[in-house]
PDB file of all heavy atoms in Angstrom:
ATOM      1  N   LEU A   1      18.341 -59.038 175.391  1.00  0.00           N
ATOM      2  CA  LEU A   1      17.895 -57.823 175.346  1.00  0.00           C
ATOM      3  C   LEU A   1      18.948 -56.790 174.790  1.00  0.00           C
ATOM      4  O   LEU A   1      20.126 -56.829 175.203  1.00  0.00           O
ATOM      5  CB  LEU A   1      17.378 -57.252 176.681  1.00  0.00           C
ATOM      6  CG  LEU A   1      16.112 -57.777 177.211  1.00  0.00           C
ATOM      7  CD1 LEU A   1      15.862 -57.147 178.607  1.00  0.00           C
ATOM      8  CD2 LEU A   1      14.950 -57.523 176.296  1.00  0.00           C
ATOM      9  N   PRO A   2      18.670 -55.952 173.936  1.00  0.00           N
ATOM     10  CA  PRO A   2      19.524 -54.925 173.368  1.00  0.00           C
ATOM     11  C   PRO A   2      20.005 -53.968 174.325  1.00  0.00           C
ATOM     12  O   PRO A   2      19.321 -53.736 175.377  1.00  0.00           O
ATOM     13  CB  PRO A   2      18.860 -54.274 172.226  1.00  0.00           C
ATOM     14  CG  PRO A   2      17.357 -54.419 172.582  1.00  0.00           C
ATOM     15  CD  PRO A   2      17.221 -55.744 173.177  1.00  0.00           C
ATOM     16  N   ARG A   3      21.214 -53.565 174.361  1.00  0.00           N
ATOM     17  CA  ARG A   3      21.806 -52.673 175.272  1.00  0.00           C
ATOM     18  C   ARG A   3      20.985 -51.285 175.469  1.00  0.00           C
ATOM     19  O   ARG A   3      20.973 -50.712 176.464  1.00  0.00           O
ATOM     20  CB  ARG A   3      23.221 -52.259 174.857  1.00  0.00           C
ATOM     21  CG  ARG A   3      24.030 -51.422 175.914  1.00  0.00           C
ATOM     22  CD  ARG A   3      24.230 -52.233 177.152  1.00  0.00           C
ATOM     23  NE  ARG A   3      24.879 -51.367 178.232  1.00  0.00           N
ATOM     24  CZ  ARG A   3      24.978 -51.693 179.510  1.00  0.00           C
ATOM     25  NH1 ARG A   3      24.528 -52.945 179.877  1.00  0.00           N
ATOM     26  NH2 ARG A   3      25.534 -50.806 180.321  1.00  0.00           N
ATOM     27  N   GLY A   4      20.275 -50.958 174.422  1.00  0.00           N
ATOM     28  CA  GLY A   4      19.452 -49.740 174.363  1.00  0.00           C
ATOM     29  C   GLY A   4      18.403 -49.780 175.594  1.00  0.00           C
ATOM     30  O   GLY A   4      18.121 -48.668 176.029  1.00  0.00           O
ATOM     31  N   GLN A   5      17.917 -51.009 175.797  1.00  0.00           N
ATOM     32  CA  GLN A   5      16.843 -51.059 176.869  1.00  0.00           C
ATOM     33  C   GLN A   5      17.496 -50.663 178.232  1.00  0.00           C
ATOM     34  O   GLN A   5      16.844 -49.997 178.966  1.00  0.00           O
ATOM     35  CB  GLN A   5      16.309 -52.382 176.885  1.00  0.00           C
ATOM     36  CG  GLN A   5      15.555 -52.866 175.662  1.00  0.00           C
ATOM     37  CD  GLN A   5      14.302 -52.064 175.402  1.00  0.00           C
ATOM     38  OE1 GLN A   5      13.601 -51.742 176.295  1.00  0.00           O
ATOM     39  NE2 GLN A   5      14.080 -51.795 174.117  1.00  0.00           N
ATOM     40  N   TYR A   6      18.602 -51.116 178.573  1.00  0.00           N
ATOM     41  CA  TYR A   6      19.242 -50.806 179.810  1.00  0.00           C
ATOM     42  C   TYR A   6      19.616 -49.326 179.764  1.00  0.00           C
ATOM     43  O   TYR A   6      19.418 -48.607 180.837  1.00  0.00           O
ATOM     44  CB  TYR A   6      20.596 -51.626 180.005  1.00  0.00           C
ATOM     45  CG  TYR A   6      20.317 -53.058 180.095  1.00  0.00           C
ATOM     46  CD1 TYR A   6      20.232 -53.903 179.037  1.00  0.00           C
ATOM     47  CD2 TYR A   6      20.254 -53.673 181.407  1.00  0.00           C
ATOM     48  CE1 TYR A   6      20.101 -55.317 179.184  1.00  0.00           C
ATOM     49  CE2 TYR A   6      20.101 -54.984 181.437  1.00  0.00           C
ATOM     50  CZ  TYR A   6      20.025 -55.802 180.362  1.00  0.00           C
ATOM     51  OH  TYR A   6      19.794 -57.164 180.497  1.00  0.00           O
ATOM     52  N   GLU A   7      20.125 -48.732 178.708  1.00  0.00           N
ATOM     53  CA  GLU A   7      20.461 -47.257 178.676  1.00  0.00           C
ATOM     54  C   GLU A   7      19.291 -46.477 178.793  1.00  0.00           C
ATOM     55  O   GLU A   7      19.326 -45.390 179.452  1.00  0.00           O
ATOM     56  CB  GLU A   7      21.185 -47.069 177.351  1.00  0.00           C
ATOM     57  CG  GLU A   7      22.575 -47.789 177.358  1.00  0.00           C
ATOM     58  CD  GLU A   7      23.288 -47.591 175.919  1.00  0.00           C
ATOM     59  OE1 GLU A   7      22.600 -47.164 175.021  1.00  0.00           O
ATOM     60  OE2 GLU A   7      24.413 -48.048 175.925  1.00  0.00           O
ATOM     61  N   ALA A   8      18.103 -46.855 178.105  1.00  0.00           N
ATOM     62  CA  ALA A   8      16.958 -46.027 178.278  1.00  0.00           C
ATOM     63  C   ALA A   8      16.389 -46.020 179.603  1.00  0.00           C
ATOM     64  O   ALA A   8      15.933 -44.992 180.205  1.00  0.00           O
ATOM     65  CB  ALA A   8      15.879 -46.698 177.285  1.00  0.00           C
ATOM     66  N   ALA A   9      16.528 -47.172 180.404  1.00  0.00           N
ATOM     67  CA  ALA A   9      16.075 -47.192 181.792  1.00  0.00           C
ATOM     68  C   ALA A   9      16.957 -46.297 182.660  1.00  0.00           C
ATOM     69  O   ALA A   9      16.469 -45.615 183.584  1.00  0.00           O
ATOM     70  CB  ALA A   9      16.011 -48.653 182.244  1.00  0.00           C
ATOM     71  N   ASP A  10      18.105 -46.344 182.359  1.00  0.00           N
ATOM     72  CA  ASP A  10      19.072 -45.470 183.152  1.00  0.00           C
ATOM     73  C   ASP A  10      18.763 -43.985 182.872  1.00  0.00           C
ATOM     74  O   ASP A  10      19.004 -43.204 183.825  1.00  0.00           O
ATOM     75  CB  ASP A  10      20.558 -45.923 182.752  1.00  0.00           C
ATOM     76  CG  ASP A  10      20.962 -47.260 183.291  1.00  0.00           C
ATOM     77  OD1 ASP A  10      20.418 -47.678 184.262  1.00  0.00           O
ATOM     78  OD2 ASP A  10      21.878 -47.854 182.716  1.00  0.00           O
ATOM     79  N   ALA A  11      18.600 -43.676 181.579  1.00  0.00           N
ATOM     80  CA  ALA A  11      18.272 -42.332 181.253  1.00  0.00           C
ATOM     81  C   ALA A  11      17.018 -41.811 181.974  1.00  0.00           C
ATOM     82  O   ALA A  11      16.912 -40.528 182.220  1.00  0.00           O
ATOM     83  CB  ALA A  11      18.157 -42.258 179.681  1.00  0.00           C
ATOM     84  N   LEU A  12      16.052 -42.681 182.281  1.00  0.00           N
ATOM     85  CA  LEU A  12      14.869 -42.324 183.117  1.00  0.00           C
ATOM     86  C   LEU A  12      15.077 -42.035 184.493  1.00  0.00           C
ATOM     87  O   LEU A  12      14.299 -41.592 185.158  1.00  0.00           O
ATOM     88  CB  LEU A  12      13.809 -43.334 182.801  1.00  0.00           C
ATOM     89  CG  LEU A  12      13.147 -43.495 181.445  1.00  0.00           C
ATOM     90  CD1 LEU A  12      12.182 -44.668 181.415  1.00  0.00           C
ATOM     91  CD2 LEU A  12      12.474 -42.193 181.050  1.00  0.00           C
ATOM     92  N   GLY A  13      16.318 -42.354 184.947  1.00  0.00           N
ATOM     93  CA  GLY A  13      16.671 -42.196 186.424  1.00  0.00           C
ATOM     94  C   GLY A  13      16.137 -43.263 187.312  1.00  0.00           C
ATOM     95  O   GLY A  13      15.987 -43.011 188.544  1.00  0.00           O
ATOM     96  N   LEU A  14      15.825 -44.495 186.730  1.00  0.00           N
ATOM     97  CA  LEU A  14      15.227 -45.479 187.575  1.00  0.00           C
ATOM     98  C   LEU A  14      16.260 -46.199 188.401  1.00  0.00           C
ATOM     99  O   LEU A  14      17.499 -46.316 187.959  1.00  0.00           O
ATOM    100  CB  LEU A  14      14.484 -46.599 186.665  1.00  0.00           C
ATOM    101  CG  LEU A  14      13.305 -46.127 185.854  1.00  0.00           C
ATOM    102  CD1 LEU A  14      12.788 -47.190 185.044  1.00  0.00           C
ATOM    103  CD2 LEU A  14      12.212 -45.569 186.747  1.00  0.00           C
ATOM    104  N   SER A  15      15.897 -46.649 189.540  1.00  0.00           N
ATOM    105  CA  SER A  15      16.851 -47.471 190.362  1.00  0.00           C
ATOM    106  C   SER A  15      17.034 -48.778 189.795  1.00  0.00           C
ATOM    107  O   SER A  15      16.342 -49.167 188.890  1.00  0.00           O
ATOM    108  CB  SER A  15      16.250 -47.552 191.790  1.00  0.00           C
ATOM    109  OG  SER A  15      15.069 -48.306 191.834  1.00  0.00           O
ATOM    110  N   TYR A  16      17.985 -49.494 190.312  1.00  0.00           N
ATOM    111  CA  TYR A  16      18.262 -50.865 189.804  1.00  0.00           C
ATOM    112  C   TYR A  16      17.117 -51.866 189.854  1.00  0.00           C
ATOM    113  O   TYR A  16      16.704 -52.422 188.809  1.00  0.00           O
ATOM    114  CB  TYR A  16      19.521 -51.435 190.504  1.00  0.00           C
ATOM    115  CG  TYR A  16      19.811 -52.884 190.157  1.00  0.00           C
ATOM    116  CD1 TYR A  16      20.530 -53.208 189.011  1.00  0.00           C
ATOM    117  CD2 TYR A  16      19.263 -53.983 190.883  1.00  0.00           C
ATOM    118  CE1 TYR A  16      20.789 -54.452 188.677  1.00  0.00           C
ATOM    119  CE2 TYR A  16      19.515 -55.232 190.564  1.00  0.00           C
ATOM    120  CZ  TYR A  16      20.261 -55.513 189.410  1.00  0.00           C
ATOM    121  OH  TYR A  16      20.456 -56.880 189.040  1.00  0.00           O
ATOM    122  N   TRP A  17      16.377 -51.763 190.922  1.00  0.00           N
ATOM    123  CA  TRP A  17      15.315 -52.768 191.111  1.00  0.00           C
ATOM    124  C   TRP A  17      14.110 -52.347 190.218  1.00  0.00           C
ATOM    125  O   TRP A  17      13.453 -53.060 189.719  1.00  0.00           O
ATOM    126  CB  TRP A  17      15.025 -52.853 192.564  1.00  0.00           C
ATOM    127  CG  TRP A  17      16.087 -53.611 193.375  1.00  0.00           C
ATOM    128  CD1 TRP A  17      16.797 -53.019 194.351  1.00  0.00           C
ATOM    129  CD2 TRP A  17      16.400 -54.997 193.186  1.00  0.00           C
ATOM    130  NE1 TRP A  17      17.704 -54.028 194.871  1.00  0.00           N
ATOM    131  CE2 TRP A  17      17.441 -55.104 194.141  1.00  0.00           C
ATOM    132  CE3 TRP A  17      15.983 -55.969 192.475  1.00  0.00           C
ATOM    133  CZ2 TRP A  17      18.139 -56.407 194.303  1.00  0.00           C
ATOM    134  CZ3 TRP A  17      16.548 -57.224 192.590  1.00  0.00           C
ATOM    135  CH2 TRP A  17      17.728 -57.349 193.547  1.00  0.00           C
ATOM    136  N   HIS A  18      13.875 -50.930 190.193  1.00  0.00           N
ATOM    137  CA  HIS A  18      12.693 -50.596 189.320  1.00  0.00           C
ATOM    138  C   HIS A  18      13.058 -50.828 187.898  1.00  0.00           C
ATOM    139  O   HIS A  18      12.199 -51.280 187.103  1.00  0.00           O
ATOM    140  CB  HIS A  18      12.488 -49.052 189.566  1.00  0.00           C
ATOM    141  CG  HIS A  18      11.771 -48.672 190.793  1.00  0.00           C
ATOM    142  ND1 HIS A  18      12.356 -48.414 191.989  1.00  0.00           N
ATOM    143  CD2 HIS A  18      10.379 -48.554 191.036  1.00  0.00           C
ATOM    144  CE1 HIS A  18      11.481 -48.218 192.866  1.00  0.00           C
ATOM    145  NE2 HIS A  18      10.213 -48.333 192.442  1.00  0.00           N
ATOM    146  N   LYS A  19      14.221 -50.581 187.589  1.00  0.00           N
ATOM    147  CA  LYS A  19      14.654 -50.902 186.111  1.00  0.00           C
ATOM    148  C   LYS A  19      14.541 -52.317 185.744  1.00  0.00           C
ATOM    149  O   LYS A  19      13.894 -52.701 184.770  1.00  0.00           O
ATOM    150  CB  LYS A  19      16.116 -50.390 185.905  1.00  0.00           C
ATOM    151  CG  LYS A  19      16.666 -50.700 184.575  1.00  0.00           C
ATOM    152  CD  LYS A  19      18.162 -50.349 184.344  1.00  0.00           C
ATOM    153  CE  LYS A  19      19.100 -51.106 185.306  1.00  0.00           C
ATOM    154  NZ  LYS A  19      20.442 -50.779 185.072  1.00  0.00           N
ATOM    155  N   THR A  20      14.985 -53.221 186.706  1.00  0.00           N
ATOM    156  CA  THR A  20      14.875 -54.573 186.458  1.00  0.00           C
ATOM    157  C   THR A  20      13.526 -55.227 186.490  1.00  0.00           C
ATOM    158  O   THR A  20      13.154 -55.971 185.646  1.00  0.00           O
ATOM    159  CB  THR A  20      15.729 -55.329 187.548  1.00  0.00           C
ATOM    160  OG1 THR A  20      17.112 -54.919 187.482  1.00  0.00           O
ATOM    161  CG2 THR A  20      15.752 -56.854 187.347  1.00  0.00           C
ATOM    162  N   GLY A  21      12.793 -54.683 187.375  1.00  0.00           N
ATOM    163  CA  GLY A  21      11.381 -55.317 187.640  1.00  0.00           C
ATOM    164  C   GLY A  21      10.350 -54.741 186.554  1.00  0.00           C
ATOM    165  O   GLY A  21       9.475 -55.452 186.230  1.00  0.00           O
ATOM    166  N   LEU A  22      10.575 -53.547 186.227  1.00  0.00           N
ATOM    167  CA  LEU A  22       9.467 -52.815 185.290  1.00  0.00           C
ATOM    168  C   LEU A  22       9.884 -52.856 183.740  1.00  0.00           C
ATOM    169  O   LEU A  22       9.044 -52.968 183.009  1.00  0.00           O
ATOM    170  CB  LEU A  22       9.307 -51.340 185.662  1.00  0.00           C
ATOM    171  CG  LEU A  22       8.760 -51.178 187.012  1.00  0.00           C
ATOM    172  CD1 LEU A  22       8.704 -49.626 187.465  1.00  0.00           C
ATOM    173  CD2 LEU A  22       7.465 -51.853 187.235  1.00  0.00           C
ATOM    174  N   ILE A  23      11.236 -53.018 183.498  1.00  0.00           N
ATOM    175  CA  ILE A  23      11.610 -52.945 182.091  1.00  0.00           C
ATOM    176  C   ILE A  23      12.334 -54.183 181.617  1.00  0.00           C
ATOM    177  O   ILE A  23      11.963 -54.685 180.619  1.00  0.00           O
ATOM    178  CB  ILE A  23      12.472 -51.651 181.894  1.00  0.00           C
ATOM    179  CG1 ILE A  23      11.646 -50.401 182.189  1.00  0.00           C
ATOM    180  CG2 ILE A  23      13.010 -51.630 180.442  1.00  0.00           C
ATOM    181  CD1 ILE A  23      12.417 -49.085 182.009  1.00  0.00           C
ATOM    182  N   ILE A  24      13.361 -54.553 182.317  1.00  0.00           N
ATOM    183  CA  ILE A  24      14.292 -55.606 181.852  1.00  0.00           C
ATOM    184  C   ILE A  24      13.624 -57.118 181.991  1.00  0.00           C
ATOM    185  O   ILE A  24      13.476 -57.779 181.034  1.00  0.00           O
ATOM    186  CB  ILE A  24      15.591 -55.521 182.630  1.00  0.00           C
ATOM    187  CG1 ILE A  24      16.272 -54.192 182.506  1.00  0.00           C
ATOM    188  CG2 ILE A  24      16.578 -56.648 182.125  1.00  0.00           C
ATOM    189  CD1 ILE A  24      16.541 -53.698 181.106  1.00  0.00           C
ATOM    190  N   LEU A  25      13.254 -57.418 183.199  1.00  0.00           N
ATOM    191  CA  LEU A  25      12.707 -58.784 183.434  1.00  0.00           C
ATOM    192  C   LEU A  25      11.484 -58.977 182.514  1.00  0.00           C
ATOM    193  O   LEU A  25      11.361 -60.169 181.945  1.00  0.00           O
ATOM    194  CB  LEU A  25      12.392 -58.920 184.886  1.00  0.00           C
ATOM    195  CG  LEU A  25      13.579 -59.589 185.754  1.00  0.00           C
ATOM    196  CD1 LEU A  25      13.107 -59.724 187.163  1.00  0.00           C
ATOM    197  CD2 LEU A  25      14.022 -60.871 185.132  1.00  0.00           C
ATOM    198  N   PRO A  26      10.473 -58.231 182.501  1.00  0.00           N
ATOM    199  CA  PRO A  26       9.326 -58.433 181.629  1.00  0.00           C
ATOM    200  C   PRO A  26       9.663 -58.833 180.297  1.00  0.00           C
ATOM    201  O   PRO A  26       9.133 -59.706 179.611  1.00  0.00           O
ATOM    202  CB  PRO A  26       8.413 -57.173 181.738  1.00  0.00           C
ATOM    203  CG  PRO A  26       8.748 -56.634 183.046  1.00  0.00           C
ATOM    204  CD  PRO A  26      10.255 -56.881 183.227  1.00  0.00           C
ATOM    205  N   GLN A  27      10.563 -57.989 179.697  1.00  0.00           N
ATOM    206  CA  GLN A  27      10.949 -58.304 178.245  1.00  0.00           C
ATOM    207  C   GLN A  27      11.808 -59.590 178.166  1.00  0.00           C
ATOM    208  O   GLN A  27      11.622 -60.324 177.254  1.00  0.00           O
ATOM    209  CB  GLN A  27      11.814 -57.130 177.737  1.00  0.00           C
ATOM    210  CG  GLN A  27      10.897 -55.816 177.630  1.00  0.00           C
ATOM    211  CD  GLN A  27      11.709 -54.759 176.932  1.00  0.00           C
ATOM    212  OE1 GLN A  27      11.922 -54.652 175.767  1.00  0.00           O
ATOM    213  NE2 GLN A  27      12.192 -53.798 177.805  1.00  0.00           N
ATOM    214  N   ALA A  28      12.735 -59.746 179.149  1.00  0.00           N
ATOM    215  CA  ALA A  28      13.550 -60.891 179.099  1.00  0.00           C
ATOM    216  C   ALA A  28      12.766 -62.290 179.187  1.00  0.00           C
ATOM    217  O   ALA A  28      12.959 -63.243 178.460  1.00  0.00           O
ATOM    218  CB  ALA A  28      14.658 -60.907 180.060  1.00  0.00           C
ATOM    219  N   LEU A  29      11.819 -62.345 179.978  1.00  0.00           N
ATOM    220  CA  LEU A  29      11.055 -63.507 180.281  1.00  0.00           C
ATOM    221  C   LEU A  29      10.111 -63.842 179.042  1.00  0.00           C
ATOM    222  O   LEU A  29       9.908 -64.946 178.761  1.00  0.00           O
ATOM    223  CB  LEU A  29      10.132 -63.391 181.495  1.00  0.00           C
ATOM    224  CG  LEU A  29      10.914 -63.175 182.820  1.00  0.00           C
ATOM    225  CD1 LEU A  29      10.001 -63.150 184.154  1.00  0.00           C
ATOM    226  CD2 LEU A  29      11.799 -64.460 183.040  1.00  0.00           C
ATOM    227  N   ARG A  30       9.672 -62.782 178.418  1.00  0.00           N
ATOM    228  CA  ARG A  30       8.847 -62.994 177.166  1.00  0.00           C
ATOM    229  C   ARG A  30       9.713 -63.714 176.194  1.00  0.00           C
ATOM    230  O   ARG A  30       9.195 -64.571 175.405  1.00  0.00           O
ATOM    231  CB  ARG A  30       8.396 -61.667 176.660  1.00  0.00           C
ATOM    232  CG  ARG A  30       7.244 -61.033 177.399  1.00  0.00           C
ATOM    233  CD  ARG A  30       6.892 -59.671 176.795  1.00  0.00           C
ATOM    234  NE  ARG A  30       5.936 -58.958 177.655  1.00  0.00           N
ATOM    235  CZ  ARG A  30       5.449 -57.771 177.256  1.00  0.00           C
ATOM    236  NH1 ARG A  30       5.819 -57.165 176.175  1.00  0.00           N
ATOM    237  NH2 ARG A  30       4.485 -57.249 177.998  1.00  0.00           N
ATOM    238  N   LEU A  31      10.986 -63.394 176.013  1.00  0.00           N
ATOM    239  CA  LEU A  31      11.806 -63.995 175.073  1.00  0.00           C
ATOM    240  C   LEU A  31      12.116 -65.415 175.307  1.00  0.00           C
ATOM    241  O   LEU A  31      12.361 -66.174 174.417  1.00  0.00           O
ATOM    242  CB  LEU A  31      13.188 -63.210 174.938  1.00  0.00           C
ATOM    243  CG  LEU A  31      13.105 -61.752 174.484  1.00  0.00           C
ATOM    244  CD1 LEU A  31      14.406 -61.073 174.657  1.00  0.00           C
ATOM    245  CD2 LEU A  31      12.579 -61.756 173.065  1.00  0.00           C
ATOM    246  N   VAL A  32      12.080 -65.945 176.581  1.00  0.00           N
ATOM    247  CA  VAL A  32      12.384 -67.279 176.936  1.00  0.00           C
ATOM    248  C   VAL A  32      11.252 -68.149 177.352  1.00  0.00           C
ATOM    249  O   VAL A  32      11.437 -69.006 178.157  1.00  0.00           O
ATOM    250  CB  VAL A  32      13.548 -67.249 177.931  1.00  0.00           C
ATOM    251  CG1 VAL A  32      14.873 -66.526 177.343  1.00  0.00           C
ATOM    252  CG2 VAL A  32      13.132 -66.566 179.176  1.00  0.00           C
ATOM    253  N   ILE A  33      10.064 -67.799 176.969  1.00  0.00           N
ATOM    254  CA  ILE A  33       8.935 -68.523 177.374  1.00  0.00           C
ATOM    255  C   ILE A  33       9.107 -70.068 176.900  1.00  0.00           C
ATOM    256  O   ILE A  33       8.841 -70.985 177.661  1.00  0.00           O
ATOM    257  CB  ILE A  33       7.585 -67.934 176.851  1.00  0.00           C
ATOM    258  CG1 ILE A  33       7.220 -66.729 177.588  1.00  0.00           C
ATOM    259  CG2 ILE A  33       6.404 -68.940 177.009  1.00  0.00           C
ATOM    260  CD1 ILE A  33       6.077 -65.999 177.112  1.00  0.00           C
ATOM    261  N   PRO A  34       9.340 -70.364 175.639  1.00  0.00           N
ATOM    262  CA  PRO A  34       9.583 -71.695 175.258  1.00  0.00           C
ATOM    263  C   PRO A  34      10.575 -72.488 176.050  1.00  0.00           C
ATOM    264  O   PRO A  34      10.208 -73.574 176.565  1.00  0.00           O
ATOM    265  CB  PRO A  34       9.942 -71.557 173.716  1.00  0.00           C
ATOM    266  CG  PRO A  34       9.436 -70.308 173.253  1.00  0.00           C
ATOM    267  CD  PRO A  34       9.583 -69.309 174.523  1.00  0.00           C
ATOM    268  N   PRO A  35      11.814 -72.101 176.235  1.00  0.00           N
ATOM    269  CA  PRO A  35      12.762 -72.806 177.138  1.00  0.00           C
ATOM    270  C   PRO A  35      12.412 -72.987 178.589  1.00  0.00           C
ATOM    271  O   PRO A  35      12.577 -73.847 179.211  1.00  0.00           O
ATOM    272  CB  PRO A  35      14.027 -72.127 176.881  1.00  0.00           C
ATOM    273  CG  PRO A  35      13.832 -70.761 176.518  1.00  0.00           C
ATOM    274  CD  PRO A  35      12.496 -70.912 175.667  1.00  0.00           C
ATOM    275  N   LEU A  36      11.642 -71.853 179.103  1.00  0.00           N
ATOM    276  CA  LEU A  36      11.219 -71.906 180.398  1.00  0.00           C
ATOM    277  C   LEU A  36      10.132 -73.096 180.629  1.00  0.00           C
ATOM    278  O   LEU A  36      10.288 -73.970 181.537  1.00  0.00           O
ATOM    279  CB  LEU A  36      10.564 -70.542 180.782  1.00  0.00           C
ATOM    280  CG  LEU A  36      11.452 -69.464 181.280  1.00  0.00           C
ATOM    281  CD1 LEU A  36      10.653 -68.239 181.651  1.00  0.00           C
ATOM    282  CD2 LEU A  36      12.220 -69.987 182.480  1.00  0.00           C
ATOM    283  N   VAL A  37       9.115 -73.011 179.796  1.00  0.00           N
ATOM    284  CA  VAL A  37       8.153 -74.131 179.820  1.00  0.00           C
ATOM    285  C   VAL A  37       8.733 -75.540 179.580  1.00  0.00           C
ATOM    286  O   VAL A  37       8.390 -76.531 180.180  1.00  0.00           O
ATOM    287  CB  VAL A  37       6.961 -73.825 178.935  1.00  0.00           C
ATOM    288  CG1 VAL A  37       5.929 -74.933 179.016  1.00  0.00           C
ATOM    289  CG2 VAL A  37       6.288 -72.443 179.283  1.00  0.00           C
ATOM    290  N   ASN A  38       9.704 -75.591 178.629  1.00  0.00           N
ATOM    291  CA  ASN A  38      10.327 -76.779 178.329  1.00  0.00           C
ATOM    292  C   ASN A  38      11.100 -77.259 179.643  1.00  0.00           C
ATOM    293  O   ASN A  38      10.990 -78.668 179.972  1.00  0.00           O
ATOM    294  CB  ASN A  38      11.349 -76.731 177.258  1.00  0.00           C
ATOM    295  CG  ASN A  38      12.088 -78.034 176.885  1.00  0.00           C
ATOM    296  OD1 ASN A  38      11.442 -78.977 176.441  1.00  0.00           O
ATOM    297  ND2 ASN A  38      13.318 -77.950 177.174  1.00  0.00           N
ATOM    298  N   THR A  39      11.664 -76.517 180.448  1.00  0.00           N
ATOM    299  CA  THR A  39      12.279 -76.820 181.712  1.00  0.00           C
ATOM    300  C   THR A  39      11.233 -77.170 182.792  1.00  0.00           C
ATOM    301  O   THR A  39      11.445 -78.175 183.446  1.00  0.00           O
ATOM    302  CB  THR A  39      13.129 -75.660 182.222  1.00  0.00           C
ATOM    303  OG1 THR A  39      13.997 -75.315 181.245  1.00  0.00           O
ATOM    304  CG2 THR A  39      13.927 -76.192 183.385  1.00  0.00           C
ATOM    305  N   PHE A  40      10.155 -76.498 182.667  1.00  0.00           N
ATOM    306  CA  PHE A  40       9.000 -76.750 183.636  1.00  0.00           C
ATOM    307  C   PHE A  40       8.588 -78.314 183.410  1.00  0.00           C
ATOM    308  O   PHE A  40       8.311 -79.127 184.230  1.00  0.00           O
ATOM    309  CB  PHE A  40       7.854 -75.786 183.509  1.00  0.00           C
ATOM    310  CG  PHE A  40       8.097 -74.515 184.067  1.00  0.00           C
ATOM    311  CD1 PHE A  40       7.285 -73.391 183.800  1.00  0.00           C
ATOM    312  CD2 PHE A  40       9.134 -74.309 184.946  1.00  0.00           C
ATOM    313  CE1 PHE A  40       7.522 -72.210 184.261  1.00  0.00           C
ATOM    314  CE2 PHE A  40       9.405 -73.026 185.413  1.00  0.00           C
ATOM    315  CZ  PHE A  40       8.562 -71.990 185.163  1.00  0.00           C
ATOM    316  N   ILE A  41       8.347 -78.512 182.102  1.00  0.00           N
ATOM    317  CA  ILE A  41       7.744 -79.834 181.741  1.00  0.00           C
ATOM    318  C   ILE A  41       8.879 -81.038 182.205  1.00  0.00           C
ATOM    319  O   ILE A  41       8.455 -82.049 182.595  1.00  0.00           O
ATOM    320  CB  ILE A  41       7.493 -79.913 180.233  1.00  0.00           C
ATOM    321  CG1 ILE A  41       6.263 -79.111 179.903  1.00  0.00           C
ATOM    322  CG2 ILE A  41       7.285 -81.370 179.754  1.00  0.00           C
ATOM    323  CD1 ILE A  41       6.125 -78.947 178.443  1.00  0.00           C
ATOM    324  N   GLY A  42      10.160 -80.717 181.918  1.00  0.00           N
ATOM    325  CA  GLY A  42      11.237 -81.736 182.219  1.00  0.00           C
ATOM    326  C   GLY A  42      11.201 -81.979 183.743  1.00  0.00           C
ATOM    327  O   GLY A  42      11.256 -83.133 184.159  1.00  0.00           O
ATOM    328  N   PHE A  43      11.090 -80.932 184.552  1.00  0.00           N
ATOM    329  CA  PHE A  43      11.143 -81.163 186.043  1.00  0.00           C
ATOM    330  C   PHE A  43       9.782 -81.715 186.567  1.00  0.00           C
ATOM    331  O   PHE A  43       9.864 -82.378 187.575  1.00  0.00           O
ATOM    332  CB  PHE A  43      11.383 -79.819 186.699  1.00  0.00           C
ATOM    333  CG  PHE A  43      12.951 -79.436 186.664  1.00  0.00           C
ATOM    334  CD1 PHE A  43      13.499 -78.539 185.855  1.00  0.00           C
ATOM    335  CD2 PHE A  43      13.850 -80.221 187.386  1.00  0.00           C
ATOM    336  CE1 PHE A  43      14.724 -78.288 185.740  1.00  0.00           C
ATOM    337  CE2 PHE A  43      15.134 -80.016 187.275  1.00  0.00           C
ATOM    338  CZ  PHE A  43      15.718 -79.008 186.540  1.00  0.00           C
TER     339      PHE A  43
END
């Protein structure tokens, strides 16, 4: 994720957990769907 996403969340005054749960994690998990599912299949 670009640094701007973190800075935008901080600018909104969100707490760490709100920033992570509402902005950072949803975007991060979208980016890694292929390797996530590849790991699921392997296990």
